[in-house]
PDB file of N, CA and C in Angstrom:
ATOM      1  N   MET A   1      10.360  60.907 -31.578  1.00  0.00           N
ATOM      2  CA  MET A   1       9.456  59.788 -31.503  1.00  0.00           C
ATOM      3  C   MET A   1      10.064  58.720 -30.594  1.00  0.00           C
ATOM      4  N   SER A   2       9.291  58.249 -29.575  1.00  0.00           N
ATOM      5  CA  SER A   2       9.824  57.233 -28.665  1.00  0.00           C
ATOM      6  C   SER A   2       9.541  55.838 -29.211  1.00  0.00           C
ATOM      7  N   GLU A   3      10.454  54.938 -28.916  1.00  0.00           N
ATOM      8  CA  GLU A   3      10.339  53.563 -29.386  1.00  0.00           C
ATOM      9  C   GLU A   3       9.372  52.803 -28.487  1.00  0.00           C
ATOM     10  N   LYS A   4       8.500  51.954 -29.074  1.00  0.00           N
ATOM     11  CA  LYS A   4       7.532  51.175 -28.307  1.00  0.00           C
ATOM     12  C   LYS A   4       8.279  50.097 -27.515  1.00  0.00           C
ATOM     13  N   SER A   5       7.897  49.917 -26.254  1.00  0.00           N
ATOM     14  CA  SER A   5       8.544  48.946 -25.382  1.00  0.00           C
ATOM     15  C   SER A   5       7.693  47.676 -25.294  1.00  0.00           C
ATOM     16  N   TYR A   6       8.350  46.526 -25.329  1.00  0.00           N
ATOM     17  CA  TYR A   6       7.687  45.235 -25.206  1.00  0.00           C
ATOM     18  C   TYR A   6       8.171  44.557 -23.926  1.00  0.00           C
ATOM     19  N   PRO A   7       7.301  43.760 -23.249  1.00  0.00           N
ATOM     20  CA  PRO A   7       7.716  43.088 -22.010  1.00  0.00           C
ATOM     21  C   PRO A   7       8.948  42.194 -22.202  1.00  0.00           C
ATOM     22  N   SER A   8       9.057  41.565 -23.367  1.00  0.00           N
ATOM     23  CA  SER A   8      10.194  40.667 -23.595  1.00  0.00           C
ATOM     24  C   SER A   8      11.518  41.406 -23.588  1.00  0.00           C
ATOM     25  N   GLN A   9      11.482  42.718 -23.821  1.00  0.00           N
ATOM     26  CA  GLN A   9      12.732  43.489 -23.822  1.00  0.00           C
ATOM     27  C   GLN A   9      13.315  43.618 -22.425  1.00  0.00           C
ATOM     28  N   SER A  10      12.490  43.468 -21.398  1.00  0.00           N
ATOM     29  CA  SER A  10      12.984  43.607 -20.034  1.00  0.00           C
ATOM     30  C   SER A  10      13.271  42.254 -19.374  1.00  0.00           C
ATOM     31  N   GLN A  11      12.983  41.153 -20.065  1.00  0.00           N
ATOM     32  CA  GLN A  11      13.206  39.831 -19.482  1.00  0.00           C
ATOM     33  C   GLN A  11      14.659  39.409 -19.643  1.00  0.00           C
ATOM     34  N   ASP A  12      15.084  38.463 -18.783  1.00  0.00           N
ATOM     35  CA  ASP A  12      16.449  37.945 -18.865  1.00  0.00           C
ATOM     36  C   ASP A  12      16.690  37.289 -20.214  1.00  0.00           C
ATOM     37  N   ARG A  13      17.911  37.431 -20.690  1.00  0.00           N
ATOM     38  CA  ARG A  13      18.314  36.786 -21.942  1.00  0.00           C
ATOM     39  C   ARG A  13      19.521  35.916 -21.667  1.00  0.00           C
ATOM     40  N   PHE A  14      19.609  34.832 -22.443  1.00  0.00           N
ATOM     41  CA  PHE A  14      20.725  33.908 -22.283  1.00  0.00           C
ATOM     42  C   PHE A  14      21.045  33.334 -23.658  1.00  0.00           C
ATOM     43  N   ILE A  15      22.258  33.479 -24.086  1.00  0.00           N
ATOM     44  CA  ILE A  15      22.662  32.958 -25.394  1.00  0.00           C
ATOM     45  C   ILE A  15      23.086  31.503 -25.220  1.00  0.00           C
ATOM     46  N   VAL A  16      22.547  30.652 -26.079  1.00  0.00           N
ATOM     47  CA  VAL A  16      22.835  29.225 -26.009  1.00  0.00           C
ATOM     48  C   VAL A  16      23.461  28.771 -27.321  1.00  0.00           C
ATOM     49  N   ARG A  17      24.514  27.984 -27.218  1.00  0.00           N
ATOM     50  CA  ARG A  17      25.110  27.371 -28.405  1.00  0.00           C
ATOM     51  C   ARG A  17      24.427  26.023 -28.620  1.00  0.00           C
ATOM     52  N   LEU A  18      23.824  25.854 -29.772  1.00  0.00           N
ATOM     53  CA  LEU A  18      23.096  24.631 -30.085  1.00  0.00           C
ATOM     54  C   LEU A  18      23.927  23.719 -30.973  1.00  0.00           C
ATOM     55  N   PRO A  19      23.867  22.427 -30.742  1.00  0.00           N
ATOM     56  CA  PRO A  19      24.563  21.491 -31.635  1.00  0.00           C
ATOM     57  C   PRO A  19      23.923  21.529 -33.018  1.00  0.00           C
ATOM     58  N   ASP A  20      24.665  21.085 -34.009  1.00  0.00           N
ATOM     59  CA  ASP A  20      24.160  21.056 -35.383  1.00  0.00           C
ATOM     60  C   ASP A  20      22.818  20.335 -35.442  1.00  0.00           C
ATOM     61  N   GLY A  21      21.864  20.949 -36.119  1.00  0.00           N
ATOM     62  CA  GLY A  21      20.545  20.341 -36.318  1.00  0.00           C
ATOM     63  C   GLY A  21      19.542  20.639 -35.214  1.00  0.00           C
ATOM     64  N   MET A  22      20.004  21.077 -34.059  1.00  0.00           N
ATOM     65  CA  MET A  22      19.095  21.315 -32.937  1.00  0.00           C
ATOM     66  C   MET A  22      18.134  22.473 -33.226  1.00  0.00           C
ATOM     67  N   ARG A  23      18.637  23.528 -33.839  1.00  0.00           N
ATOM     68  CA  ARG A  23      17.799  24.697 -34.136  1.00  0.00           C
ATOM     69  C   ARG A  23      16.628  24.291 -35.032  1.00  0.00           C
ATOM     70  N   GLU A  24      16.910  23.471 -36.037  1.00  0.00           N
ATOM     71  CA  GLU A  24      15.860  23.028 -36.949  1.00  0.00           C
ATOM     72  C   GLU A  24      14.835  22.147 -36.220  1.00  0.00           C
ATOM     73  N   ARG A  25      15.307  21.298 -35.342  1.00  0.00           N
ATOM     74  CA  ARG A  25      14.396  20.436 -34.573  1.00  0.00           C
ATOM     75  C   ARG A  25      13.486  21.276 -33.686  1.00  0.00           C
ATOM     76  N   ILE A  26      14.061  22.278 -33.027  1.00  0.00           N
ATOM     77  CA  ILE A  26      13.261  23.161 -32.164  1.00  0.00           C
ATOM     78  C   ILE A  26      12.238  23.915 -33.009  1.00  0.00           C
ATOM     79  N   ALA A  27      12.689  24.425 -34.163  1.00  0.00           N
ATOM     80  CA  ALA A  27      11.786  25.172 -35.040  1.00  0.00           C
ATOM     81  C   ALA A  27      10.625  24.292 -35.500  1.00  0.00           C
ATOM     82  N   GLU A  28      10.906  23.055 -35.866  1.00  0.00           N
ATOM     83  CA  GLU A  28       9.862  22.131 -36.318  1.00  0.00           C
ATOM     84  C   GLU A  28       8.861  21.844 -35.202  1.00  0.00           C
ATOM     85  N   GLU A  29       9.358  21.556 -34.000  1.00  0.00           N
ATOM     86  CA  GLU A  29       8.469  21.278 -32.869  1.00  0.00           C
ATOM     87  C   GLU A  29       7.650  22.519 -32.513  1.00  0.00           C
ATOM     88  N   ALA A  30       8.265  23.689 -32.587  1.00  0.00           N
ATOM     89  CA  ALA A  30       7.552  24.934 -32.306  1.00  0.00           C
ATOM     90  C   ALA A  30       6.406  25.127 -33.309  1.00  0.00           C
ATOM     91  N   ARG A  31       6.659  24.829 -34.586  1.00  0.00           N
ATOM     92  CA  ARG A  31       5.608  24.933 -35.603  1.00  0.00           C
ATOM     93  C   ARG A  31       4.463  23.965 -35.288  1.00  0.00           C
ATOM     94  N   LYS A  32       4.817  22.724 -34.934  1.00  0.00           N
ATOM     95  CA  LYS A  32       3.796  21.720 -34.610  1.00  0.00           C
ATOM     96  C   LYS A  32       2.930  22.165 -33.433  1.00  0.00           C
ATOM     97  N   ASN A  33       3.547  22.861 -32.475  1.00  0.00           N
ATOM     98  CA  ASN A  33       2.835  23.284 -31.266  1.00  0.00           C
ATOM     99  C   ASN A  33       2.299  24.711 -31.352  1.00  0.00           C
ATOM    100  N   ASN A  34       2.400  25.300 -32.543  1.00  0.00           N
ATOM    101  CA  ASN A  34       1.898  26.661 -32.775  1.00  0.00           C
ATOM    102  C   ASN A  34       2.448  27.673 -31.774  1.00  0.00           C
ATOM    103  N   ARG A  35       3.763  27.674 -31.622  1.00  0.00           N
ATOM    104  CA  ARG A  35       4.386  28.653 -30.743  1.00  0.00           C
ATOM    105  C   ARG A  35       5.752  29.036 -31.272  1.00  0.00           C
ATOM    106  N   SER A  36       6.309  30.076 -30.703  1.00  0.00           N
ATOM    107  CA  SER A  36       7.636  30.533 -31.124  1.00  0.00           C
ATOM    108  C   SER A  36       8.696  29.548 -30.642  1.00  0.00           C
ATOM    109  N   MET A  37       9.868  29.643 -31.220  1.00  0.00           N
ATOM    110  CA  MET A  37      10.971  28.794 -30.766  1.00  0.00           C
ATOM    111  C   MET A  37      11.274  29.071 -29.298  1.00  0.00           C
ATOM    112  N   ASN A  38      11.243  30.354 -28.929  1.00  0.00           N
ATOM    113  CA  ASN A  38      11.508  30.702 -27.533  1.00  0.00           C
ATOM    114  C   ASN A  38      10.477  30.043 -26.614  1.00  0.00           C
ATOM    115  N   ALA A  39       9.200  30.136 -26.981  1.00  0.00           N
ATOM    116  CA  ALA A  39       8.140  29.536 -26.167  1.00  0.00           C
ATOM    117  C   ALA A  39       8.298  28.023 -26.092  1.00  0.00           C
ATOM    118  N   GLU A  40       8.741  27.413 -27.193  1.00  0.00           N
ATOM    119  CA  GLU A  40       8.962  25.962 -27.214  1.00  0.00           C
ATOM    120  C   GLU A  40      10.078  25.577 -26.243  1.00  0.00           C
ATOM    121  N   ILE A  41      11.174  26.320 -26.283  1.00  0.00           N
ATOM    122  CA  ILE A  41      12.312  26.028 -25.402  1.00  0.00           C
ATOM    123  C   ILE A  41      11.911  26.219 -23.940  1.00  0.00           C
ATOM    124  N   VAL A  42      11.226  27.321 -23.635  1.00  0.00           N
ATOM    125  CA  VAL A  42      10.801  27.592 -22.257  1.00  0.00           C
ATOM    126  C   VAL A  42       9.846  26.507 -21.778  1.00  0.00           C
ATOM    127  N   SER A  43       8.903  26.092 -22.628  1.00  0.00           N
ATOM    128  CA  SER A  43       7.948  25.047 -22.260  1.00  0.00           C
ATOM    129  C   SER A  43       8.666  23.740 -21.932  1.00  0.00           C
ATOM    130  N   ARG A  44       9.624  23.390 -22.766  1.00  0.00           N
ATOM    131  CA  ARG A  44      10.363  22.145 -22.530  1.00  0.00           C
ATOM    132  C   ARG A  44      11.209  22.220 -21.268  1.00  0.00           C
ATOM    133  N   LEU A  45      11.784  23.367 -20.994  1.00  0.00           N
ATOM    134  CA  LEU A  45      12.536  23.528 -19.745  1.00  0.00           C
ATOM    135  C   LEU A  45      11.609  23.395 -18.538  1.00  0.00           C
ATOM    136  N   GLU A  46      10.433  24.015 -18.619  1.00  0.00           N
ATOM    137  CA  GLU A  46       9.465  23.919 -17.521  1.00  0.00           C
ATOM    138  C   GLU A  46       9.062  22.463 -17.284  1.00  0.00           C
ATOM    139  N   GLN A  47       8.820  21.716 -18.358  1.00  0.00           N
ATOM    140  CA  GLN A  47       8.454  20.310 -18.220  1.00  0.00           C
ATOM    141  C   GLN A  47       9.563  19.531 -17.528  1.00  0.00           C
ATOM    142  N   THR A  48      10.798  19.814 -17.888  1.00  0.00           N
ATOM    143  CA  THR A  48      11.935  19.135 -17.278  1.00  0.00           C
ATOM    144  C   THR A  48      12.008  19.438 -15.788  1.00  0.00           C
ATOM    145  N   PHE A  49      11.814  20.696 -15.419  1.00  0.00           N
ATOM    146  CA  PHE A  49      11.840  21.056 -14.000  1.00  0.00           C
ATOM    147  C   PHE A  49      10.719  20.361 -13.245  1.00  0.00           C
ATOM    148  N   ASN A  50       9.545  20.256 -13.865  1.00  0.00           N
ATOM    149  CA  ASN A  50       8.427  19.570 -13.216  1.00  0.00           C
ATOM    150  C   ASN A  50       8.734  18.094 -13.020  1.00  0.00           C
ATOM    151  N   LEU A  51       9.372  17.459 -14.005  1.00  0.00           N
ATOM    152  CA  LEU A  51       9.749  16.052 -13.870  1.00  0.00           C
ATOM    153  C   LEU A  51      10.764  15.863 -12.760  1.00  0.00           C
ATOM    154  N   VAL A  52      11.742  16.748 -12.694  1.00  0.00           N
ATOM    155  CA  VAL A  52      12.783  16.646 -11.675  1.00  0.00           C
ATOM    156  C   VAL A  52      12.180  16.830 -10.289  1.00  0.00           C
ATOM    157  N   SER A  53      11.250  17.772 -10.129  1.00  0.00           N
ATOM    158  CA  SER A  53      10.654  18.006  -8.811  1.00  0.00           C
ATOM    159  C   SER A  53       9.724  16.864  -8.415  1.00  0.00           C
ATOM    160  N   ALA A  54       9.186  16.120  -9.383  1.00  0.00           N
ATOM    161  CA  ALA A  54       8.307  14.995  -9.076  1.00  0.00           C
ATOM    162  C   ALA A  54       9.099  13.724  -8.785  1.00  0.00           C
ATOM    163  N   ALA A  55      10.374  13.681  -9.140  1.00  0.00           N
ATOM    164  CA  ALA A  55      11.176  12.468  -8.953  1.00  0.00           C
ATOM    165  C   ALA A  55      11.239  12.015  -7.493  1.00  0.00           C
ATOM    166  N   PRO A  56      11.511  12.919  -6.526  1.00  0.00           N
ATOM    167  CA  PRO A  56      11.545  12.456  -5.137  1.00  0.00           C
ATOM    168  C   PRO A  56      10.199  11.904  -4.669  1.00  0.00           C
ATOM    169  N   LEU A  57       9.104  12.496  -5.127  1.00  0.00           N
ATOM    170  CA  LEU A  57       7.781  12.017  -4.764  1.00  0.00           C
ATOM    171  C   LEU A  57       7.572  10.605  -5.305  1.00  0.00           C
ATOM    172  N   SER A  58       7.963  10.381  -6.540  1.00  0.00           N
ATOM    173  CA  SER A  58       7.825   9.062  -7.154  1.00  0.00           C
ATOM    174  C   SER A  58       8.634   8.026  -6.374  1.00  0.00           C
ATOM    175  N   LYS A  59       9.834   8.396  -5.975  1.00  0.00           N
ATOM    176  CA  LYS A  59      10.684   7.473  -5.198  1.00  0.00           C
ATOM    177  C   LYS A  59      10.038   7.177  -3.851  1.00  0.00           C
ATOM    178  N   GLY A  60       9.453   8.203  -3.231  1.00  0.00           N
ATOM    179  CA  GLY A  60       8.772   8.007  -1.952  1.00  0.00           C
ATOM    180  C   GLY A  60       7.589   7.071  -2.072  1.00  0.00           C
ATOM    181  N   ILE A  61       6.836   7.207  -3.162  1.00  0.00           N
ATOM    182  CA  ILE A  61       5.676   6.333  -3.388  1.00  0.00           C
ATOM    183  C   ILE A  61       6.140   4.885  -3.566  1.00  0.00           C
ATOM    184  N   LYS A  62       7.227   4.689  -4.309  1.00  0.00           N
ATOM    185  CA  LYS A  62       7.758   3.333  -4.488  1.00  0.00           C
ATOM    186  C   LYS A  62       8.193   2.746  -3.151  1.00  0.00           C
ATOM    187  N   ASN A  63       8.839   3.567  -2.305  1.00  0.00           N
ATOM    188  CA  ASN A  63       9.264   3.088  -0.991  1.00  0.00           C
ATOM    189  C   ASN A  63       8.064   2.720  -0.129  1.00  0.00           C
ATOM    190  N   LEU A  64       7.018   3.558  -0.158  1.00  0.00           N
ATOM    191  CA  LEU A  64       5.813   3.259   0.613  1.00  0.00           C
ATOM    192  C   LEU A  64       5.168   1.967   0.137  1.00  0.00           C
ATOM    193  N   SER A  65       5.107   1.804  -1.170  1.00  0.00           N
ATOM    194  CA  SER A  65       4.514   0.594  -1.727  1.00  0.00           C
ATOM    195  C   SER A  65       5.293  -0.643  -1.282  1.00  0.00           C
ATOM    196  N   SER A  66       6.600  -0.541  -1.296  1.00  0.00           N
ATOM    197  CA  SER A  66       7.450  -1.645  -0.859  1.00  0.00           C
ATOM    198  C   SER A  66       7.232  -1.938   0.624  1.00  0.00           C
ATOM    199  N   ASN A  67       7.138  -0.877   1.435  1.00  0.00           N
ATOM    200  CA  ASN A  67       6.909  -1.064   2.870  1.00  0.00           C
ATOM    201  C   ASN A  67       5.555  -1.698   3.146  1.00  0.00           C
ATOM    202  N   ILE A  68       4.532  -1.302   2.383  1.00  0.00           N
ATOM    203  CA  ILE A  68       3.193  -1.880   2.558  1.00  0.00           C
ATOM    204  C   ILE A  68       3.217  -3.367   2.241  1.00  0.00           C
ATOM    205  N   LYS A  69       3.898  -3.731   1.159  1.00  0.00           N
ATOM    206  CA  LYS A  69       3.989  -5.151   0.796  1.00  0.00           C
ATOM    207  C   LYS A  69       4.705  -5.944   1.883  1.00  0.00           C
ATOM    208  N   MET A  70       5.781  -5.368   2.435  1.00  0.00           N
ATOM    209  CA  MET A  70       6.532  -6.053   3.486  1.00  0.00           C
ATOM    210  C   MET A  70       5.666  -6.219   4.740  1.00  0.00           C
ATOM    211  N   LEU A  71       4.910  -5.164   5.103  1.00  0.00           N
ATOM    212  CA  LEU A  71       4.031  -5.256   6.267  1.00  0.00           C
ATOM    213  C   LEU A  71       2.934  -6.292   6.042  1.00  0.00           C
ATOM    214  N   ALA A  72       2.417  -6.362   4.831  1.00  0.00           N
ATOM    215  CA  ALA A  72       1.391  -7.358   4.518  1.00  0.00           C
ATOM    216  C   ALA A  72       1.951  -8.765   4.676  1.00  0.00           C
ATOM    217  N   MET A  73       3.162  -8.983   4.221  1.00  0.00           N
ATOM    218  CA  MET A  73       3.787 -10.303   4.379  1.00  0.00           C
ATOM    219  C   MET A  73       3.994 -10.619   5.852  1.00  0.00           C
ATOM    220  N   GLU A  74       4.420  -9.625   6.637  1.00  0.00           N
ATOM    221  CA  GLU A  74       4.609  -9.838   8.072  1.00  0.00           C
ATOM    222  C   GLU A  74       3.279 -10.149   8.750  1.00  0.00           C
ATOM    223  N   ALA A  75       2.188  -9.509   8.316  1.00  0.00           N
ATOM    224  CA  ALA A  75       0.873  -9.795   8.891  1.00  0.00           C
ATOM    225  C   ALA A  75       0.469 -11.235   8.622  1.00  0.00           C
ATOM    226  N   ILE A  76       0.786 -11.732   7.442  1.00  0.00           N
ATOM    227  CA  ILE A  76       0.461 -13.120   7.104  1.00  0.00           C
ATOM    228  C   ILE A  76       1.275 -14.073   7.974  1.00  0.00           C
ATOM    229  N   VAL A  77       2.546 -13.769   8.171  1.00  0.00           N
ATOM    230  CA  VAL A  77       3.399 -14.604   9.027  1.00  0.00           C
ATOM    231  C   VAL A  77       2.855 -14.617  10.451  1.00  0.00           C
ATOM    232  N   ILE A  78       2.470 -13.439  10.958  1.00  0.00           N
ATOM    233  CA  ILE A  78       1.921 -13.350  12.316  1.00  0.00           C
ATOM    234  C   ILE A  78       0.619 -14.130  12.414  1.00  0.00           C
ATOM    235  N   SER A  79      -0.225 -14.040  11.390  1.00  0.00           N
ATOM    236  CA  SER A  79      -1.479 -14.776  11.380  1.00  0.00           C
ATOM    237  C   SER A  79      -1.222 -16.281  11.419  1.00  0.00           C
ATOM    238  N   ASN A  80      -0.262 -16.729  10.632  1.00  0.00           N
ATOM    239  CA  ASN A  80       0.088 -18.158  10.633  1.00  0.00           C
ATOM    240  C   ASN A  80       0.633 -18.581  11.986  1.00  0.00           C
ATOM    241  N   TYR A  81       1.435 -17.719  12.599  1.00  0.00           N
ATOM    242  CA  TYR A  81       1.993 -18.001  13.920  1.00  0.00           C
ATOM    243  C   TYR A  81       0.856 -18.099  14.940  1.00  0.00           C
ATOM    244  N   ALA A  82      -0.126 -17.183  14.863  1.00  0.00           N
ATOM    245  CA  ALA A  82      -1.265 -17.218  15.778  1.00  0.00           C
ATOM    246  C   ALA A  82      -2.063 -18.505  15.598  1.00  0.00           C
ATOM    247  N   SER A  83      -2.225 -18.963  14.362  1.00  0.00           N
ATOM    248  CA  SER A  83      -2.938 -20.223  14.108  1.00  0.00           C
ATOM    249  C   SER A  83      -2.207 -21.390  14.742  1.00  0.00           C
ATOM    250  N   SER A  84      -0.885 -21.374  14.602  1.00  0.00           N
ATOM    251  CA  SER A  84      -0.089 -22.450  15.207  1.00  0.00           C
ATOM    252  C   SER A  84      -0.226 -22.433  16.726  1.00  0.00           C
ATOM    253  N   LEU A  85      -0.217 -21.249  17.335  1.00  0.00           N
ATOM    254  CA  LEU A  85      -0.390 -21.144  18.782  1.00  0.00           C
ATOM    255  C   LEU A  85      -1.760 -21.646  19.219  1.00  0.00           C
ATOM    256  N   GLU A  86      -2.793 -21.302  18.430  1.00  0.00           N
ATOM    257  CA  GLU A  86      -4.138 -21.779  18.756  1.00  0.00           C
ATOM    258  C   GLU A  86      -4.197 -23.305  18.707  1.00  0.00           C
ATOM    259  N   GLN A  87      -3.564 -23.895  17.699  1.00  0.00           N
ATOM    260  CA  GLN A  87      -3.541 -25.353  17.592  1.00  0.00           C
ATOM    261  C   GLN A  87      -2.810 -25.959  18.791  1.00  0.00           C
ATOM    262  N   TYR A  88      -1.719 -25.334  19.198  1.00  0.00           N
ATOM    263  CA  TYR A  88      -0.960 -25.808  20.359  1.00  0.00           C
ATOM    264  C   TYR A  88      -1.815 -25.722  21.621  1.00  0.00           C
ATOM    265  N   LEU A  89      -2.514 -24.582  21.803  1.00  0.00           N
ATOM    266  CA  LEU A  89      -3.359 -24.415  22.984  1.00  0.00           C
ATOM    267  C   LEU A  89      -4.505 -25.421  22.988  1.00  0.00           C
ATOM    268  N   ASP A  90      -5.033 -25.757  21.804  1.00  0.00           N
ATOM    269  CA  ASP A  90      -6.101 -26.757  21.723  1.00  0.00           C
ATOM    270  C   ASP A  90      -5.620 -28.118  22.203  1.00  0.00           C
ATOM    271  N   VAL A  91      -4.317 -28.376  22.016  1.00  0.00           N
ATOM    272  CA  VAL A  91      -3.754 -29.655  22.458  1.00  0.00           C
ATOM    273  C   VAL A  91      -3.484 -29.625  23.959  1.00  0.00           C
ATOM    274  N   VAL A  92      -2.845 -28.565  24.452  1.00  0.00           N
ATOM    275  CA  VAL A  92      -2.438 -28.525  25.858  1.00  0.00           C
ATOM    276  C   VAL A  92      -3.554 -28.052  26.791  1.00  0.00           C
ATOM    277  N   ASP A  93      -4.508 -27.308  26.319  1.00  0.00           N
ATOM    278  CA  ASP A  93      -5.595 -26.791  27.156  1.00  0.00           C
ATOM    279  C   ASP A  93      -6.884 -26.764  26.342  1.00  0.00           C
ATOM    280  N   PRO A  94      -7.421 -27.955  26.023  1.00  0.00           N
ATOM    281  CA  PRO A  94      -8.634 -27.992  25.202  1.00  0.00           C
ATOM    282  C   PRO A  94      -9.782 -27.260  25.890  1.00  0.00           C
ATOM    283  N   GLY A  95     -10.464 -26.406  25.145  1.00  0.00           N
ATOM    284  CA  GLY A  95     -11.622 -25.692  25.669  1.00  0.00           C
ATOM    285  C   GLY A  95     -11.271 -24.523  26.571  1.00  0.00           C
ATOM    286  N   GLY A  96      -9.996 -24.242  26.746  1.00  0.00           N
ATOM    287  CA  GLY A  96      -9.589 -23.124  27.593  1.00  0.00           C
ATOM    288  C   GLY A  96      -9.912 -21.788  26.938  1.00  0.00           C
ATOM    289  N   PRO A  97      -9.786 -20.712  27.728  1.00  0.00           N
ATOM    290  CA  PRO A  97     -10.096 -19.383  27.173  1.00  0.00           C
ATOM    291  C   PRO A  97      -9.110 -18.987  26.078  1.00  0.00           C
ATOM    292  N   ARG A  98      -9.636 -18.319  25.080  1.00  0.00           N
ATOM    293  CA  ARG A  98      -8.795 -17.838  23.972  1.00  0.00           C
ATOM    294  C   ARG A  98      -9.066 -16.347  23.759  1.00  0.00           C
ATOM    295  N   PRO A  99      -8.009 -15.566  23.550  1.00  0.00           N
ATOM    296  CA  PRO A  99      -8.240 -14.150  23.236  1.00  0.00           C
ATOM    297  C   PRO A  99      -8.864 -14.024  21.847  1.00  0.00           C
ATOM    298  N   PRO A 100      -9.639 -12.972  21.631  1.00  0.00           N
ATOM    299  CA  PRO A 100     -10.223 -12.796  20.289  1.00  0.00           C
ATOM    300  C   PRO A 100      -9.122 -12.567  19.262  1.00  0.00           C
ATOM    301  N   ARG A 101      -9.325 -13.107  18.099  1.00  0.00           N
ATOM    302  CA  ARG A 101      -8.331 -13.006  17.043  1.00  0.00           C
ATOM    303  C   ARG A 101      -8.763 -11.954  16.034  1.00  0.00           C
ATOM    304  N   PRO A 102      -7.894 -10.984  15.732  1.00  0.00           N
ATOM    305  CA  PRO A 102      -8.291  -9.981  14.736  1.00  0.00           C
ATOM    306  C   PRO A 102      -8.482 -10.633  13.373  1.00  0.00           C
ATOM    307  N   SER A 103      -9.409 -10.105  12.622  1.00  0.00           N
ATOM    308  CA  SER A 103      -9.651 -10.666  11.295  1.00  0.00           C
ATOM    309  C   SER A 103      -9.161  -9.685  10.234  1.00  0.00           C
ATOM    310  N   PHE A 104      -8.689 -10.224   9.141  1.00  0.00           N
ATOM    311  CA  PHE A 104      -8.295  -9.431   7.987  1.00  0.00           C
ATOM    312  C   PHE A 104      -8.377 -10.313   6.770  1.00  0.00           C
ATOM    313  N   ASP A 105      -8.382  -9.684   5.641  1.00  0.00           N
ATOM    314  CA  ASP A 105      -8.493 -10.394   4.374  1.00  0.00           C
ATOM    315  C   ASP A 105      -7.093 -10.765   3.897  1.00  0.00           C
ATOM    316  N   GLU A 106      -6.696 -12.013   4.136  1.00  0.00           N
ATOM    317  CA  GLU A 106      -5.348 -12.455   3.778  1.00  0.00           C
ATOM    318  C   GLU A 106      -5.109 -12.362   2.274  1.00  0.00           C
ATOM    319  N   ALA A 107      -6.126 -12.642   1.472  1.00  0.00           N
ATOM    320  CA  ALA A 107      -5.978 -12.546   0.012  1.00  0.00           C
ATOM    321  C   ALA A 107      -5.691 -11.103  -0.397  1.00  0.00           C
ATOM    322  N   ALA A 108      -6.356 -10.161   0.267  1.00  0.00           N
ATOM    323  CA  ALA A 108      -6.121  -8.742  -0.055  1.00  0.00           C
ATOM    324  C   ALA A 108      -4.696  -8.360   0.321  1.00  0.00           C
ATOM    325  N   LEU A 109      -4.217  -8.854   1.466  1.00  0.00           N
ATOM    326  CA  LEU A 109      -2.844  -8.549   1.865  1.00  0.00           C
ATOM    327  C   LEU A 109      -1.835  -9.121   0.880  1.00  0.00           C
ATOM    328  N   GLU A 110      -2.094 -10.349   0.426  1.00  0.00           N
ATOM    329  CA  GLU A 110      -1.163 -10.969  -0.514  1.00  0.00           C
ATOM    330  C   GLU A 110      -1.121 -10.236  -1.836  1.00  0.00           C
ATOM    331  N   SER A 111      -2.266  -9.622  -2.233  1.00  0.00           N
ATOM    332  CA  SER A 111      -2.298  -8.903  -3.498  1.00  0.00           C
ATOM    333  C   SER A 111      -1.835  -7.460  -3.359  1.00  0.00           C
ATOM    334  N   GLY A 112      -1.619  -7.002  -2.105  1.00  0.00           N
ATOM    335  CA  GLY A 112      -1.174  -5.621  -1.893  1.00  0.00           C
ATOM    336  C   GLY A 112      -2.320  -4.649  -1.740  1.00  0.00           C
ATOM    337  N   SER A 113      -3.561  -5.156  -1.727  1.00  0.00           N
ATOM    338  CA  SER A 113      -4.729  -4.284  -1.565  1.00  0.00           C
ATOM    339  C   SER A 113      -5.042  -4.153  -0.100  1.00  0.00           C
ATOM    340  N   ASP A 114      -5.775  -3.103   0.273  1.00  0.00           N
ATOM    341  CA  ASP A 114      -6.188  -2.947   1.660  1.00  0.00           C
ATOM    342  C   ASP A 114      -7.546  -3.575   1.931  1.00  0.00           C
ATOM    343  N   GLY A 115      -8.128  -4.225   0.910  1.00  0.00           N
ATOM    344  CA  GLY A 115      -9.401  -4.884   1.064  1.00  0.00           C
ATOM    345  C   GLY A 115     -10.574  -3.955   0.840  1.00  0.00           C
ATOM    346  N   ASP A 116     -10.327  -2.655   0.718  1.00  0.00           N
ATOM    347  CA  ASP A 116     -11.373  -1.669   0.470  1.00  0.00           C
ATOM    348  C   ASP A 116     -11.652  -1.590  -1.015  1.00  0.00           C
ATOM    349  N   ASN A 117     -12.875  -1.438  -1.383  1.00  0.00           N
ATOM    350  CA  ASN A 117     -13.214  -1.251  -2.788  1.00  0.00           C
ATOM    351  C   ASN A 117     -13.346   0.213  -3.133  1.00  0.00           C
ATOM    352  N   GLY A 118     -13.249   1.144  -2.157  1.00  0.00           N
ATOM    353  CA  GLY A 118     -13.473   2.561  -2.419  1.00  0.00           C
ATOM    354  C   GLY A 118     -12.298   3.348  -2.523  1.00  0.00           C
TER     355      GLY A 118
END
């Protein structure tokens, strides 16, 4: 009579030494989640790997957000500088030609928004 084979018999195995109380904690969480202790451990490892792989993305998003805020502040400074130049030109060359001035929502820049509602 041949012995029945299960897929888990061919999977990698790794013996882990658990600190006191850890086995009971894993067993309790596995019961709460309706899965085996092995499935609980594998699930938690997978979650950890997903968090670690998302960490660089999160850092990149924070850097982008910081750069956007800095650019918004620079745009406000440039806008103020342009206003000062216009006032100066009004004094030294009243009614003279002026280049068109780009418009933007300064309040949106100060709040970090792009001014779009969509």
